[in-house]
Amino acid sequence: MYQAGKLLVDELITAEIDQDGINDALDQFDRGAGIRSLVRY
């Protein structure tokens, strides 16, 4: 569905982080910000 353009996942992502930024992302999550982060490995 994503590849067909029927599932718009990209619009749901609020931030993209790498492994080094996981702790910062968790801090943001605790504050209620960046709740839809994508972790890139």
N, C-alpha and C. Protein backbone atom coordinates (compact mmCIF):
# COMPACT_ATOMS: atom_id res chain seq x y z
N MET A 1 0.83 -1.19 0.00
CA MET A 1 0.00 0.00 0.00
C MET A 1 0.88 1.26 0.00
N TYR A 2 1.98 1.21 0.73
CA TYR A 2 2.89 2.35 0.78
C TYR A 2 3.46 2.63 -0.61
N GLN A 3 3.94 1.60 -1.25
CA GLN A 3 4.54 1.77 -2.58
C GLN A 3 3.51 2.21 -3.61
N ALA A 4 2.28 1.86 -3.41
CA ALA A 4 1.22 2.27 -4.33
C ALA A 4 0.72 3.69 -4.04
N GLY A 5 1.22 4.31 -2.95
CA GLY A 5 0.81 5.67 -2.62
C GLY A 5 -0.50 5.75 -1.86
N LYS A 6 -0.97 4.62 -1.36
CA LYS A 6 -2.25 4.60 -0.63
C LYS A 6 -2.06 4.70 0.88
N LEU A 7 -0.84 4.51 1.35
CA LEU A 7 -0.53 4.62 2.78
C LEU A 7 0.54 5.69 2.92
N LEU A 8 0.17 6.85 3.41
CA LEU A 8 1.06 8.01 3.44
C LEU A 8 1.86 8.06 4.75
N VAL A 9 2.84 7.18 4.86
CA VAL A 9 3.63 7.07 6.08
C VAL A 9 4.55 8.28 6.27
N ASP A 10 5.13 8.78 5.19
CA ASP A 10 6.08 9.89 5.28
C ASP A 10 5.49 11.11 5.98
N GLU A 11 4.23 11.36 5.79
CA GLU A 11 3.58 12.51 6.41
C GLU A 11 3.40 12.34 7.92
N LEU A 12 3.50 11.12 8.40
CA LEU A 12 3.32 10.86 9.83
C LEU A 12 4.60 11.01 10.64
N ILE A 13 5.75 11.00 9.99
CA ILE A 13 7.03 11.06 10.69
C ILE A 13 7.33 12.50 11.09
N THR A 14 7.59 12.71 12.39
CA THR A 14 7.88 14.06 12.87
C THR A 14 9.38 14.33 12.90
N ALA A 15 10.21 13.28 13.00
CA ALA A 15 11.66 13.47 13.04
C ALA A 15 12.35 12.18 12.62
N GLU A 16 13.54 12.33 12.05
CA GLU A 16 14.37 11.18 11.73
C GLU A 16 15.65 11.30 12.54
N ILE A 17 15.99 10.24 13.26
CA ILE A 17 17.17 10.27 14.11
C ILE A 17 18.04 9.06 13.83
N ASP A 18 19.33 9.18 14.17
CA ASP A 18 20.21 8.03 14.05
C ASP A 18 20.39 7.42 15.44
N GLN A 19 21.17 6.37 15.51
CA GLN A 19 21.33 5.67 16.79
C GLN A 19 21.93 6.56 17.87
N ASP A 20 22.78 7.48 17.48
CA ASP A 20 23.40 8.36 18.47
C ASP A 20 22.39 9.34 19.09
N GLY A 21 21.26 9.55 18.45
CA GLY A 21 20.27 10.50 18.94
C GLY A 21 19.11 9.87 19.69
N ILE A 22 19.20 8.59 19.98
CA ILE A 22 18.07 7.90 20.62
C ILE A 22 17.75 8.49 21.99
N ASN A 23 18.76 8.78 22.79
CA ASN A 23 18.51 9.33 24.12
C ASN A 23 17.80 10.68 24.04
N ASP A 24 18.22 11.52 23.11
CA ASP A 24 17.56 12.81 22.92
C ASP A 24 16.12 12.61 22.46
N ALA A 25 15.90 11.64 21.58
CA ALA A 25 14.54 11.37 21.10
C ALA A 25 13.65 10.89 22.25
N LEU A 26 14.19 10.07 23.14
CA LEU A 26 13.41 9.60 24.29
C LEU A 26 13.08 10.75 25.23
N ASP A 27 14.01 11.68 25.39
CA ASP A 27 13.75 12.87 26.21
C ASP A 27 12.62 13.70 25.60
N GLN A 28 12.64 13.87 24.28
CA GLN A 28 11.57 14.60 23.60
C GLN A 28 10.25 13.88 23.76
N PHE A 29 10.28 12.56 23.67
CA PHE A 29 9.06 11.77 23.83
C PHE A 29 8.46 11.98 25.22
N ASP A 30 9.32 12.01 26.24
CA ASP A 30 8.85 12.24 27.61
C ASP A 30 8.19 13.60 27.76
N ARG A 31 8.65 14.58 26.98
CA ARG A 31 8.08 15.94 27.02
C ARG A 31 6.86 16.07 26.13
N GLY A 32 6.54 15.02 25.37
CA GLY A 32 5.38 15.06 24.49
C GLY A 32 5.67 15.60 23.10
N ALA A 33 6.93 15.74 22.79
CA ALA A 33 7.33 16.24 21.46
C ALA A 33 7.98 15.09 20.68
N GLY A 34 7.90 15.15 19.38
CA GLY A 34 8.58 14.15 18.55
C GLY A 34 8.09 12.74 18.79
N ILE A 35 6.79 12.58 18.89
CA ILE A 35 6.26 11.26 19.26
C ILE A 35 6.26 10.26 18.11
N ARG A 36 6.51 10.75 16.91
CA ARG A 36 6.53 9.85 15.75
C ARG A 36 7.88 9.92 15.05
N SER A 37 8.91 9.53 15.78
CA SER A 37 10.27 9.59 15.26
C SER A 37 10.63 8.29 14.56
N LEU A 38 11.42 8.42 13.53
CA LEU A 38 11.92 7.27 12.78
C LEU A 38 13.39 7.11 13.12
N VAL A 39 13.78 5.93 13.61
CA VAL A 39 15.16 5.66 13.95
C VAL A 39 15.82 4.96 12.77
N ARG A 40 16.88 5.56 12.28
CA ARG A 40 17.64 4.99 11.16
C ARG A 40 18.84 4.23 11.71
N TYR A 41 18.99 2.97 11.32
CA TYR A 41 20.12 2.15 11.76
C TYR A 41 21.16 2.07 10.69
